[in-house]
N, C-alpha and C. Protein backbone atom coordinates (compact mmCIF):
# COMPACT_ATOMS: atom_id res chain seq x y z
N UNK A 1 -37.48 8.64 -20.65
CA UNK A 1 -36.48 7.73 -20.96
C UNK A 1 -36.05 7.51 -19.52
N UNK A 2 -35.12 6.50 -19.33
CA UNK A 2 -34.32 6.38 -18.18
C UNK A 2 -32.76 6.33 -18.29
N UNK A 3 -32.30 7.30 -17.43
CA UNK A 3 -30.96 7.54 -17.51
C UNK A 3 -30.19 6.40 -16.55
N UNK A 4 -29.10 5.98 -17.11
CA UNK A 4 -28.36 4.88 -16.41
C UNK A 4 -26.75 5.51 -16.24
N UNK A 5 -26.61 6.39 -15.39
CA UNK A 5 -25.36 7.03 -15.32
C UNK A 5 -24.29 5.98 -14.88
N UNK A 6 -23.08 5.96 -15.34
CA UNK A 6 -21.97 4.99 -15.00
C UNK A 6 -20.59 5.41 -15.47
N UNK A 7 -19.65 5.31 -14.48
CA UNK A 7 -18.36 5.64 -14.82
C UNK A 7 -17.41 4.35 -14.80
N UNK A 8 -16.89 3.85 -15.93
CA UNK A 8 -16.13 2.69 -16.06
C UNK A 8 -14.77 2.94 -16.45
N UNK A 9 -13.79 2.16 -16.37
CA UNK A 9 -12.63 1.97 -17.23
C UNK A 9 -12.87 2.02 -18.43
N UNK A 10 -11.68 2.97 -19.07
CA UNK A 10 -11.97 3.01 -20.68
C UNK A 10 -11.59 1.68 -21.44
N UNK A 11 -10.90 0.80 -20.71
CA UNK A 11 -10.23 -0.37 -21.14
C UNK A 11 -11.70 -1.69 -21.09
N UNK A 12 -12.61 -1.15 -20.47
CA UNK A 12 -13.81 -2.08 -20.23
C UNK A 12 -14.80 -1.64 -21.55
N UNK A 13 -14.82 -2.64 -22.47
CA UNK A 13 -15.82 -2.24 -23.68
C UNK A 13 -17.13 -2.90 -23.46
N UNK A 14 -17.61 -3.37 -22.16
CA UNK A 14 -19.04 -3.65 -21.98
C UNK A 14 -19.66 -2.40 -21.37
N UNK A 15 -20.63 -1.82 -22.02
CA UNK A 15 -21.17 -0.75 -21.59
C UNK A 15 -22.49 -1.01 -20.70
N UNK A 16 -22.81 -2.38 -20.45
CA UNK A 16 -23.86 -2.60 -19.63
C UNK A 16 -23.77 -2.01 -18.33
N UNK A 17 -25.08 -1.39 -17.85
CA UNK A 17 -25.16 -0.62 -16.66
C UNK A 17 -24.93 -1.53 -15.46
N UNK A 18 -24.18 -1.18 -14.56
CA UNK A 18 -24.35 -1.97 -13.09
C UNK A 18 -24.44 -0.86 -12.09
N UNK A 19 -25.16 -1.15 -10.99
CA UNK A 19 -25.47 -0.12 -9.98
C UNK A 19 -24.14 -0.07 -9.11
N UNK A 20 -24.09 1.18 -8.54
CA UNK A 20 -22.89 1.56 -7.82
C UNK A 20 -22.95 0.84 -6.42
N UNK A 21 -21.75 0.38 -5.99
CA UNK A 21 -21.73 -0.07 -4.57
C UNK A 21 -20.42 0.42 -3.93
N UNK A 22 -20.57 0.31 -2.65
CA UNK A 22 -19.28 0.77 -2.13
C UNK A 22 -18.07 -0.12 -1.92
N UNK A 23 -18.28 -1.45 -2.55
CA UNK A 23 -17.41 -2.38 -2.65
C UNK A 23 -16.83 -2.36 -4.00
N UNK A 24 -17.13 -1.34 -4.96
CA UNK A 24 -16.53 -1.58 -6.18
C UNK A 24 -15.09 -1.48 -6.39
N UNK A 25 -14.49 -0.72 -5.55
CA UNK A 25 -13.07 -0.76 -5.58
C UNK A 25 -12.36 -1.00 -4.22
N UNK A 26 -11.01 -1.32 -4.19
CA UNK A 26 -10.34 -1.49 -2.95
C UNK A 26 -9.08 -0.82 -3.26
N UNK A 27 -8.63 -0.12 -2.07
CA UNK A 27 -7.31 0.52 -2.12
C UNK A 27 -6.29 -0.46 -1.34
N UNK A 28 -5.54 -1.36 -2.23
CA UNK A 28 -5.13 -2.44 -1.46
C UNK A 28 -3.51 -2.43 -1.53
N UNK A 29 -2.98 -1.90 -0.48
CA UNK A 29 -1.57 -1.70 -0.28
C UNK A 29 -0.71 -3.14 -0.43
N UNK A 30 -1.23 -4.26 -0.11
CA UNK A 30 -0.53 -5.23 -0.10
C UNK A 30 -0.19 -5.89 -1.57
N UNK A 31 -1.40 -5.55 -2.50
CA UNK A 31 -1.08 -6.03 -3.60
C UNK A 31 -0.42 -5.15 -4.86
N UNK A 32 0.10 -3.96 -4.22
CA UNK A 32 0.58 -3.03 -5.25
C UNK A 32 1.83 -3.71 -6.04
N UNK A 33 2.46 -4.50 -5.50
CA UNK A 33 3.75 -5.03 -6.36
C UNK A 33 3.15 -6.02 -7.25
N UNK A 34 2.33 -6.93 -6.86
CA UNK A 34 1.60 -7.88 -7.70
C UNK A 34 1.15 -7.47 -8.73
N UNK A 35 0.41 -6.14 -8.84
CA UNK A 35 -0.45 -5.78 -9.78
C UNK A 35 0.26 -5.11 -10.98
N UNK A 36 1.17 -4.21 -10.67
CA UNK A 36 1.75 -3.70 -12.10
C UNK A 36 3.28 -3.60 -11.90
N UNK A 37 3.97 -4.78 -11.53
CA UNK A 37 5.44 -4.77 -11.39
C UNK A 37 6.00 -4.51 -12.70
N UNK A 38 5.39 -4.86 -13.79
CA UNK A 38 6.33 -4.54 -15.08
C UNK A 38 6.19 -3.23 -15.41
N UNK A 39 5.37 -2.40 -14.90
CA UNK A 39 5.23 -0.95 -15.31
C UNK A 39 5.89 -0.19 -13.97
N UNK A 40 5.52 -0.66 -12.91
CA UNK A 40 6.07 0.10 -11.67
C UNK A 40 7.61 -0.09 -11.53
N UNK A 41 8.12 -1.45 -11.73
CA UNK A 41 9.19 -1.78 -11.47
C UNK A 41 9.52 -1.97 -9.89
N UNK A 42 8.33 -2.40 -9.34
CA UNK A 42 8.30 -2.40 -7.68
C UNK A 42 8.36 -3.78 -7.36
N UNK A 43 8.76 -4.57 -7.97
CA UNK A 43 8.58 -5.97 -7.63
C UNK A 43 9.45 -6.69 -6.73
N UNK A 44 10.69 -6.43 -6.79
CA UNK A 44 11.79 -6.82 -6.09
C UNK A 44 12.09 -6.11 -4.86
N UNK A 45 12.15 -6.61 -3.73
CA UNK A 45 12.26 -5.81 -2.39
C UNK A 45 13.77 -5.97 -2.18
N UNK A 46 14.53 -6.71 -2.86
CA UNK A 46 15.85 -6.88 -2.24
C UNK A 46 16.84 -6.02 -2.97
N UNK A 47 17.58 -4.95 -2.12
CA UNK A 47 18.65 -4.05 -2.65
C UNK A 47 19.80 -4.86 -2.79
N UNK A 48 20.52 -5.16 -4.00
CA UNK A 48 21.86 -5.69 -4.09
C UNK A 48 22.85 -4.60 -3.93
N UNK A 49 23.58 -4.63 -2.82
CA UNK A 49 24.55 -3.68 -2.71
C UNK A 49 26.11 -4.11 -2.91
N UNK A 50 26.08 -5.17 -3.58
CA UNK A 50 27.69 -5.85 -3.78
C UNK A 50 28.20 -4.98 -4.74
N UNK A 51 29.51 -5.02 -4.63
CA UNK A 51 30.36 -4.22 -5.62
C UNK A 51 30.25 -5.00 -6.86
N UNK A 52 30.87 -4.25 -7.87
CA UNK A 52 30.91 -4.79 -9.22
C UNK A 52 31.64 -6.16 -9.42
N UNK A 53 32.66 -6.28 -8.77
CA UNK A 53 33.61 -7.74 -8.85
C UNK A 53 34.15 -7.80 -7.40
N UNK A 54 33.78 -8.94 -7.10
CA UNK A 54 34.60 -9.66 -5.77
C UNK A 54 34.98 -10.86 -5.88
N UNK A 55 36.08 -10.96 -5.33
CA UNK A 55 36.86 -12.32 -5.26
C UNK A 55 37.10 -12.89 -3.83
N UNK A 56 36.49 -13.90 -3.52
CA UNK A 56 36.52 -14.59 -2.15
C UNK A 56 36.87 -16.16 -2.29
N UNK A 57 37.99 -16.38 -1.65
CA UNK A 57 38.46 -17.91 -1.56
C UNK A 57 38.57 -18.47 -3.19
N UNK A 58 39.19 -17.52 -3.84
CA UNK A 58 39.64 -17.89 -5.13
C UNK A 58 38.24 -17.86 -6.20
N UNK A 59 37.22 -17.40 -5.62
CA UNK A 59 36.05 -17.49 -6.63
C UNK A 59 35.67 -15.92 -6.72
N UNK A 60 35.45 -15.57 -8.11
CA UNK A 60 35.22 -14.37 -8.69
C UNK A 60 33.60 -14.25 -8.98
N UNK A 61 32.93 -13.22 -8.21
CA UNK A 61 31.80 -12.84 -8.34
C UNK A 61 31.49 -11.68 -9.18
N UNK A 62 30.92 -11.77 -10.37
CA UNK A 62 30.69 -10.51 -11.09
C UNK A 62 29.18 -10.04 -10.94
N UNK A 63 29.09 -8.70 -10.53
CA UNK A 63 27.59 -8.07 -10.23
C UNK A 63 27.45 -7.22 -11.72
N UNK A 64 26.62 -7.86 -12.51
CA UNK A 64 26.18 -7.14 -13.71
C UNK A 64 25.42 -5.90 -13.53
N UNK A 65 25.32 -5.18 -14.59
CA UNK A 65 24.50 -3.77 -14.48
C UNK A 65 22.99 -3.95 -14.05
N UNK A 66 22.45 -5.25 -14.24
CA UNK A 66 21.16 -5.38 -13.83
C UNK A 66 20.98 -5.91 -12.48
N UNK A 67 22.16 -6.10 -11.65
CA UNK A 67 22.25 -6.56 -10.36
C UNK A 67 22.09 -8.06 -10.17
N UNK A 68 22.25 -8.81 -11.33
CA UNK A 68 22.47 -10.21 -11.33
C UNK A 68 23.89 -10.49 -11.14
N UNK A 69 24.06 -11.70 -10.82
CA UNK A 69 25.56 -12.01 -10.28
C UNK A 69 26.02 -13.25 -11.24
N UNK A 70 27.13 -13.16 -11.69
CA UNK A 70 27.58 -14.13 -12.66
C UNK A 70 28.69 -14.94 -12.05
N UNK A 71 28.93 -16.27 -12.07
CA UNK A 71 30.07 -16.91 -11.36
C UNK A 71 30.45 -17.89 -12.48
N UNK A 72 31.66 -17.84 -12.97
CA UNK A 72 32.03 -18.54 -14.02
C UNK A 72 32.39 -19.94 -13.64
N UNK A 73 32.27 -20.88 -14.65
CA UNK A 73 32.54 -22.39 -14.43
C UNK A 73 34.11 -22.71 -14.26
N UNK A 74 34.45 -23.81 -13.69
CA UNK A 74 35.82 -24.01 -13.61
C UNK A 74 36.39 -23.74 -12.37
N UNK A 75 35.89 -22.66 -11.54
CA UNK A 75 36.60 -22.28 -10.43
C UNK A 75 36.70 -23.26 -9.19
N UNK A 76 37.67 -23.47 -8.54
CA UNK A 76 37.66 -24.22 -7.43
C UNK A 76 37.96 -23.87 -6.08
N UNK A 77 37.23 -24.29 -5.09
CA UNK A 77 37.59 -23.55 -3.78
C UNK A 77 37.53 -24.82 -2.90
N UNK A 78 38.20 -24.86 -1.80
CA UNK A 78 38.29 -25.89 -0.83
C UNK A 78 37.55 -25.63 0.53
N UNK A 79 36.89 -24.34 0.44
CA UNK A 79 36.24 -23.97 1.83
C UNK A 79 35.02 -23.14 1.36
N UNK A 80 34.07 -23.17 2.31
CA UNK A 80 32.79 -22.45 1.95
C UNK A 80 32.91 -20.89 1.73
N UNK A 81 32.26 -20.23 0.64
CA UNK A 81 32.59 -19.02 0.39
C UNK A 81 31.17 -18.30 0.08
N UNK A 82 30.88 -16.99 0.32
CA UNK A 82 29.71 -16.33 0.16
C UNK A 82 29.75 -14.95 -0.15
N UNK A 83 28.90 -14.36 -0.90
CA UNK A 83 28.83 -13.03 -1.22
C UNK A 83 27.57 -12.44 -0.72
N UNK A 84 27.74 -11.43 0.10
CA UNK A 84 26.34 -10.85 0.98
C UNK A 84 25.99 -9.64 -0.24
N UNK A 85 24.60 -9.88 -0.31
CA UNK A 85 24.11 -9.13 -1.56
C UNK A 85 23.47 -7.83 -0.93
N UNK A 86 22.49 -7.89 0.23
CA UNK A 86 21.89 -6.62 0.62
C UNK A 86 20.99 -7.09 1.66
N UNK A 87 20.47 -6.05 2.48
CA UNK A 87 19.84 -6.27 3.85
C UNK A 87 18.56 -5.63 3.56
N UNK A 88 17.38 -5.99 4.27
CA UNK A 88 16.25 -5.23 4.49
C UNK A 88 15.40 -5.57 5.48
N UNK A 89 14.54 -4.78 6.29
CA UNK A 89 13.61 -5.06 7.23
C UNK A 89 12.34 -4.96 6.29
N UNK A 90 11.58 -6.19 6.21
CA UNK A 90 10.37 -6.16 5.34
C UNK A 90 9.10 -5.87 6.22
N UNK A 91 8.44 -5.34 5.50
CA UNK A 91 6.86 -5.07 6.25
C UNK A 91 6.24 -6.65 6.48
N UNK A 92 5.47 -6.58 7.66
CA UNK A 92 5.04 -7.83 7.83
C UNK A 92 4.02 -8.49 6.67
N UNK A 93 4.36 -9.80 6.31
CA UNK A 93 3.88 -10.59 5.30
C UNK A 93 4.34 -11.83 4.89
N UNK A 94 4.07 -12.37 3.70
CA UNK A 94 4.63 -13.46 3.25
C UNK A 94 5.42 -13.42 2.09
N UNK A 95 6.49 -13.85 1.94
CA UNK A 95 7.60 -13.51 0.75
C UNK A 95 8.03 -14.84 0.28
N UNK A 96 8.74 -14.64 -0.94
CA UNK A 96 9.49 -15.58 -1.49
C UNK A 96 10.85 -15.08 -2.03
N UNK A 97 11.84 -16.00 -1.44
CA UNK A 97 13.26 -15.57 -2.11
C UNK A 97 13.52 -16.42 -3.21
N UNK A 98 13.86 -15.86 -4.37
CA UNK A 98 14.11 -16.89 -5.67
C UNK A 98 15.16 -16.12 -6.36
N UNK A 99 15.68 -16.93 -7.28
CA UNK A 99 16.79 -16.49 -8.20
C UNK A 99 18.03 -17.23 -8.42
N UNK A 100 18.09 -18.25 -7.58
CA UNK A 100 19.21 -19.38 -7.75
C UNK A 100 18.98 -20.10 -8.86
N UNK A 101 20.06 -20.46 -9.72
CA UNK A 101 20.11 -21.05 -10.70
C UNK A 101 19.57 -22.59 -10.45
N UNK A 102 18.69 -23.40 -11.34
CA UNK A 102 18.15 -24.60 -10.95
C UNK A 102 19.49 -25.62 -10.64
N UNK A 103 19.17 -26.78 -9.93
CA UNK A 103 20.15 -27.66 -9.65
C UNK A 103 21.10 -27.41 -8.62
N UNK A 104 20.68 -26.32 -7.78
CA UNK A 104 21.69 -26.18 -6.52
C UNK A 104 21.27 -27.02 -5.48
N UNK A 105 22.00 -26.84 -4.41
CA UNK A 105 21.68 -27.48 -3.12
C UNK A 105 22.34 -26.89 -2.00
N UNK A 106 22.30 -27.55 -0.68
CA UNK A 106 22.84 -26.94 0.31
C UNK A 106 24.40 -27.15 0.42
N UNK A 107 24.97 -28.10 -0.56
CA UNK A 107 26.39 -28.33 -0.44
C UNK A 107 26.97 -27.76 -1.53
N UNK A 108 26.27 -27.18 -2.57
CA UNK A 108 26.98 -26.68 -4.01
C UNK A 108 26.81 -25.25 -4.08
N UNK A 109 25.65 -24.82 -4.56
CA UNK A 109 25.39 -23.40 -4.74
C UNK A 109 23.97 -23.11 -4.40
N UNK A 110 23.69 -22.05 -3.73
CA UNK A 110 22.37 -21.64 -3.44
C UNK A 110 22.20 -19.82 -2.99
N UNK A 111 21.05 -19.56 -2.88
CA UNK A 111 20.71 -18.22 -1.95
C UNK A 111 20.47 -18.40 -0.71
N UNK A 112 21.07 -18.08 0.21
CA UNK A 112 20.95 -17.95 1.57
C UNK A 112 20.03 -16.83 2.33
N UNK A 113 19.23 -16.94 3.12
CA UNK A 113 18.49 -16.05 3.78
C UNK A 113 18.89 -15.95 5.38
N UNK A 114 19.42 -15.01 5.76
CA UNK A 114 20.19 -14.99 7.34
C UNK A 114 19.48 -13.86 7.86
N UNK A 115 19.70 -13.90 9.10
CA UNK A 115 19.45 -12.97 10.17
C UNK A 115 20.65 -12.96 11.12
N UNK A 116 21.62 -12.02 10.82
CA UNK A 116 22.81 -12.11 11.63
C UNK A 116 23.55 -13.23 11.28
N UNK A 117 23.89 -14.14 12.34
CA UNK A 117 24.56 -15.47 11.91
C UNK A 117 23.61 -16.68 11.76
N UNK A 118 22.38 -16.29 11.88
CA UNK A 118 21.51 -17.46 11.92
C UNK A 118 20.90 -17.64 10.56
N UNK A 119 20.98 -18.93 9.91
CA UNK A 119 20.51 -19.46 8.62
C UNK A 119 19.03 -19.69 8.69
N UNK A 120 18.24 -19.06 7.85
CA UNK A 120 16.84 -18.99 8.01
C UNK A 120 16.32 -20.15 6.84
N UNK A 121 16.80 -20.01 5.92
CA UNK A 121 16.48 -20.77 4.86
C UNK A 121 17.22 -20.70 3.48
N UNK A 122 17.18 -21.61 2.53
CA UNK A 122 17.77 -21.46 1.30
C UNK A 122 16.87 -21.75 0.09
N UNK A 123 17.35 -20.96 -1.12
CA UNK A 123 16.91 -21.28 -2.21
C UNK A 123 17.93 -21.83 -2.95
N UNK A 124 17.55 -23.04 -3.59
CA UNK A 124 18.49 -23.93 -4.47
C UNK A 124 18.16 -24.00 -5.68
N UNK A 125 17.05 -23.03 -6.09
CA UNK A 125 16.43 -23.16 -7.52
C UNK A 125 14.91 -23.48 -7.63
N UNK A 126 14.43 -23.66 -6.68
CA UNK A 126 12.91 -23.62 -6.38
C UNK A 126 12.25 -22.48 -5.75
N UNK A 127 13.05 -21.70 -5.04
CA UNK A 127 12.52 -20.67 -4.22
C UNK A 127 12.38 -21.11 -2.71
N UNK A 128 12.20 -20.01 -1.98
CA UNK A 128 11.93 -20.44 -0.46
C UNK A 128 11.15 -19.31 -0.04
N UNK A 129 10.01 -19.85 0.64
CA UNK A 129 8.73 -19.07 1.13
C UNK A 129 9.09 -18.78 2.59
N UNK A 130 8.74 -17.58 3.13
CA UNK A 130 9.02 -17.29 4.47
C UNK A 130 8.12 -16.17 4.98
N UNK A 131 7.83 -15.87 6.15
CA UNK A 131 6.75 -14.96 6.72
C UNK A 131 7.79 -13.92 7.40
N UNK A 132 7.62 -12.61 7.15
CA UNK A 132 8.32 -11.75 7.64
C UNK A 132 7.61 -11.02 8.79
N UNK A 133 8.25 -10.78 10.14
CA UNK A 133 7.49 -10.26 11.25
C UNK A 133 7.55 -8.73 11.38
N UNK A 134 8.07 -7.94 10.37
CA UNK A 134 8.05 -6.58 10.12
C UNK A 134 9.28 -5.91 10.88
N UNK A 135 9.88 -6.71 11.93
CA UNK A 135 11.11 -6.22 12.51
C UNK A 135 12.36 -6.93 12.15
N UNK A 136 12.47 -8.11 11.76
CA UNK A 136 13.76 -8.70 11.53
C UNK A 136 14.52 -8.40 10.36
N UNK A 137 15.69 -7.91 10.46
CA UNK A 137 16.58 -7.56 9.34
C UNK A 137 16.98 -8.91 8.79
N UNK A 138 16.60 -8.85 7.35
CA UNK A 138 16.83 -10.13 6.51
C UNK A 138 18.16 -9.79 5.75
N UNK A 139 19.07 -10.54 5.56
CA UNK A 139 20.14 -10.38 4.61
C UNK A 139 20.30 -11.58 3.69
N UNK A 140 20.58 -11.48 2.51
CA UNK A 140 20.65 -12.40 1.48
C UNK A 140 22.15 -12.67 0.85
N UNK A 141 22.57 -13.80 0.82
CA UNK A 141 24.01 -14.20 0.41
C UNK A 141 23.99 -15.25 -0.61
N UNK A 142 24.99 -15.26 -1.54
CA UNK A 142 24.98 -16.37 -2.47
C UNK A 142 26.14 -17.33 -1.71
N UNK A 143 25.68 -18.55 -1.49
CA UNK A 143 26.82 -19.43 -0.98
C UNK A 143 27.24 -20.53 -1.96
N UNK A 144 28.57 -20.86 -1.77
CA UNK A 144 29.15 -21.77 -2.53
C UNK A 144 29.81 -22.68 -1.81
N UNK A 145 29.76 -24.17 -2.15
CA UNK A 145 30.30 -25.09 -1.49
C UNK A 145 30.08 -25.35 0.05
N UNK A 146 30.94 -26.22 0.71
CA UNK A 146 30.38 -26.14 2.23
C UNK A 146 31.96 -26.40 2.99
N UNK A 147 31.87 -25.94 4.15
CA UNK A 147 33.23 -26.14 4.78
C UNK A 147 33.93 -27.55 4.67
N UNK A 148 35.17 -27.38 4.30
CA UNK A 148 36.07 -28.59 4.28
C UNK A 148 35.80 -29.40 3.10
N UNK A 149 34.88 -28.84 2.01
CA UNK A 149 34.60 -29.90 0.87
C UNK A 149 35.21 -29.12 -0.50
N UNK A 150 36.16 -29.79 -0.93
CA UNK A 150 36.55 -29.10 -2.44
C UNK A 150 35.36 -29.18 -3.35
N UNK A 151 35.18 -28.03 -4.09
CA UNK A 151 34.16 -27.90 -4.99
C UNK A 151 34.55 -27.10 -6.12
N UNK A 152 34.31 -27.40 -7.34
CA UNK A 152 34.42 -26.94 -8.61
C UNK A 152 33.19 -26.40 -9.24
N UNK A 153 32.95 -25.38 -9.39
CA UNK A 153 31.80 -24.86 -10.14
C UNK A 153 31.51 -25.36 -11.62
N UNK A 154 30.51 -26.10 -11.63
CA UNK A 154 30.25 -27.13 -12.88
C UNK A 154 29.92 -26.42 -14.18
N UNK A 155 29.34 -25.30 -13.97
CA UNK A 155 28.82 -24.51 -15.16
C UNK A 155 28.77 -23.02 -14.83
N UNK A 156 28.46 -22.23 -15.88
CA UNK A 156 28.49 -20.83 -15.64
C UNK A 156 27.15 -20.51 -14.96
N UNK A 157 27.15 -19.91 -13.71
CA UNK A 157 26.06 -19.73 -12.94
C UNK A 157 25.63 -18.30 -13.09
N UNK A 158 24.31 -17.95 -13.19
CA UNK A 158 23.70 -16.73 -13.25
C UNK A 158 22.55 -16.49 -12.27
N UNK A 159 22.98 -15.91 -11.06
CA UNK A 159 22.06 -15.50 -9.97
C UNK A 159 21.30 -14.32 -10.18
N UNK A 160 19.95 -14.65 -9.85
CA UNK A 160 18.98 -13.50 -10.14
C UNK A 160 18.23 -13.04 -8.80
N UNK A 161 18.94 -12.65 -7.80
CA UNK A 161 18.33 -12.74 -6.55
C UNK A 161 17.14 -11.65 -6.54
N UNK A 162 16.05 -12.34 -5.79
CA UNK A 162 14.93 -11.31 -5.63
C UNK A 162 13.99 -11.93 -4.59
N UNK A 163 13.53 -10.83 -3.71
CA UNK A 163 12.45 -11.29 -2.89
C UNK A 163 11.19 -10.65 -3.18
N UNK A 164 10.16 -11.14 -3.58
CA UNK A 164 8.80 -10.83 -3.97
C UNK A 164 7.61 -11.33 -2.95
N UNK A 165 6.62 -10.50 -3.30
CA UNK A 165 5.23 -11.03 -2.57
C UNK A 165 4.96 -12.45 -2.67
N UNK A 166 4.48 -13.35 -1.60
CA UNK A 166 4.16 -14.60 -1.93
C UNK A 166 2.90 -14.65 -2.81
N UNK A 167 2.19 -13.66 -2.95
CA UNK A 167 0.83 -13.64 -3.66
C UNK A 167 1.14 -13.65 -5.24
N UNK A 168 2.48 -13.11 -5.51
CA UNK A 168 3.00 -13.06 -6.97
C UNK A 168 3.35 -14.32 -7.34
N UNK A 169 2.60 -14.75 -8.31
CA UNK A 169 3.20 -16.10 -8.85
C UNK A 169 4.28 -16.07 -9.87
N UNK A 170 4.68 -15.09 -10.46
CA UNK A 170 5.62 -14.82 -11.56
C UNK A 170 7.04 -14.64 -10.95
N UNK A 171 8.01 -15.58 -11.09
CA UNK A 171 9.29 -15.51 -10.56
C UNK A 171 10.25 -14.69 -11.37
N UNK A 172 9.77 -14.16 -12.61
CA UNK A 172 10.54 -13.44 -13.54
C UNK A 172 11.23 -12.47 -12.80
N UNK A 173 12.73 -12.25 -13.13
CA UNK A 173 13.60 -11.31 -12.32
C UNK A 173 13.28 -9.83 -12.77
N UNK A 174 13.11 -8.94 -11.83
CA UNK A 174 13.08 -7.59 -12.14
C UNK A 174 14.09 -6.82 -10.99
N UNK A 175 14.92 -5.96 -11.70
CA UNK A 175 15.81 -5.20 -10.64
C UNK A 175 15.25 -4.53 -9.62
N UNK A 176 15.87 -4.58 -8.65
CA UNK A 176 15.33 -3.45 -7.29
C UNK A 176 15.37 -2.10 -8.07
N UNK A 177 14.09 -1.51 -7.51
CA UNK A 177 13.95 0.01 -7.86
C UNK A 177 13.73 0.85 -6.55
N UNK A 178 14.77 1.42 -6.06
CA UNK A 178 14.68 1.90 -4.72
C UNK A 178 13.38 3.10 -4.65
N UNK A 179 13.05 3.74 -5.59
CA UNK A 179 11.98 4.73 -5.39
C UNK A 179 10.67 4.02 -5.32
N UNK A 180 10.34 3.13 -6.22
CA UNK A 180 9.28 2.34 -5.94
C UNK A 180 8.96 1.46 -4.77
N UNK A 181 10.12 0.86 -4.32
CA UNK A 181 10.02 0.30 -3.13
C UNK A 181 9.87 1.11 -1.97
N UNK A 182 10.46 2.35 -1.78
CA UNK A 182 10.22 3.18 -0.66
C UNK A 182 8.75 3.80 -0.92
N UNK A 183 8.33 4.12 -2.18
CA UNK A 183 6.77 4.58 -2.20
C UNK A 183 5.94 3.41 -1.46
N UNK A 184 6.14 2.27 -1.68
CA UNK A 184 5.50 1.22 -1.07
C UNK A 184 5.40 1.15 0.25
N UNK A 185 6.71 1.07 0.87
CA UNK A 185 6.99 1.15 2.23
C UNK A 185 6.52 2.31 3.07
N UNK A 186 6.40 3.36 2.32
CA UNK A 186 5.89 4.60 3.06
C UNK A 186 4.53 4.84 2.90
N UNK A 187 3.82 3.97 2.34
CA UNK A 187 2.36 3.86 1.90
C UNK A 187 2.07 4.90 0.94
N UNK A 188 2.71 5.33 0.06
CA UNK A 188 2.56 6.58 -0.72
C UNK A 188 1.78 6.08 -2.06
N UNK A 189 1.89 4.72 -2.33
CA UNK A 189 1.37 4.38 -3.69
C UNK A 189 0.29 3.26 -3.42
N UNK A 190 -0.72 3.20 -3.99
CA UNK A 190 -1.67 2.04 -3.73
C UNK A 190 -2.21 1.63 -5.07
N UNK A 191 -2.66 0.38 -5.18
CA UNK A 191 -3.28 -0.12 -6.33
C UNK A 191 -4.80 -0.03 -5.94
N UNK A 192 -5.42 0.54 -7.17
CA UNK A 192 -7.06 0.64 -7.21
C UNK A 192 -7.38 -0.55 -7.90
N UNK A 193 -8.01 -1.46 -7.21
CA UNK A 193 -8.55 -2.90 -7.87
C UNK A 193 -10.01 -2.74 -7.78
N UNK A 194 -10.70 -2.80 -9.19
CA UNK A 194 -12.03 -2.65 -9.26
C UNK A 194 -12.55 -4.24 -9.51
N UNK A 195 -13.69 -4.05 -8.48
CA UNK A 195 -14.48 -5.32 -8.46
C UNK A 195 -15.47 -5.39 -9.39
N UNK A 196 -16.22 -4.38 -9.50
CA UNK A 196 -17.49 -4.33 -10.18
C UNK A 196 -17.00 -2.87 -11.31
N UNK A 197 -18.01 -2.76 -12.08
CA UNK A 197 -17.78 -1.66 -13.13
C UNK A 197 -17.91 -0.41 -12.68
N UNK A 198 -19.16 -0.15 -12.08
CA UNK A 198 -19.59 1.25 -11.83
C UNK A 198 -19.00 1.81 -10.66
N UNK A 199 -18.09 3.02 -11.11
CA UNK A 199 -17.36 3.52 -10.12
C UNK A 199 -17.79 4.83 -9.56
């Protein structure tokens, strides 16, 4: 008889033999967060360090237990206000900032991506794609209204601030998990991605 030795994933029900090749698997650091974020909790790069409740220019921001941020409707301001959420130096790569409620704009409500005093881009409900060079310190803030313009929050707003890898098509909010993100940044955790069956 002919022996056909093969080691395959237990979840693979197809026992058809495949020859081994060096390309059977890849250790892919860049795809860790995309692969198993629901299990690892490592999808969101943005640490939200805002305090539980903050009032600025008459507007109250409530930071919830899952680090989403609520702004109640009916609050009026006559000048621009913002809440700083957190900062991070991202590994080089492509990312998406998302989590602003739909219907925002540059003059109403939005998530802002800044470096120091420089505005790099905004998410007004559709996400904002950007490239990180591996050295820049990025800060995310919630911005309301514009300078010199009276503005009333039209409806209850729930911000779900998140920075995720651009290769991840799922914008579902996942809270920041410091251990998992540090594992990723320190190259301690990898995804094994099987290309063929025989390992």
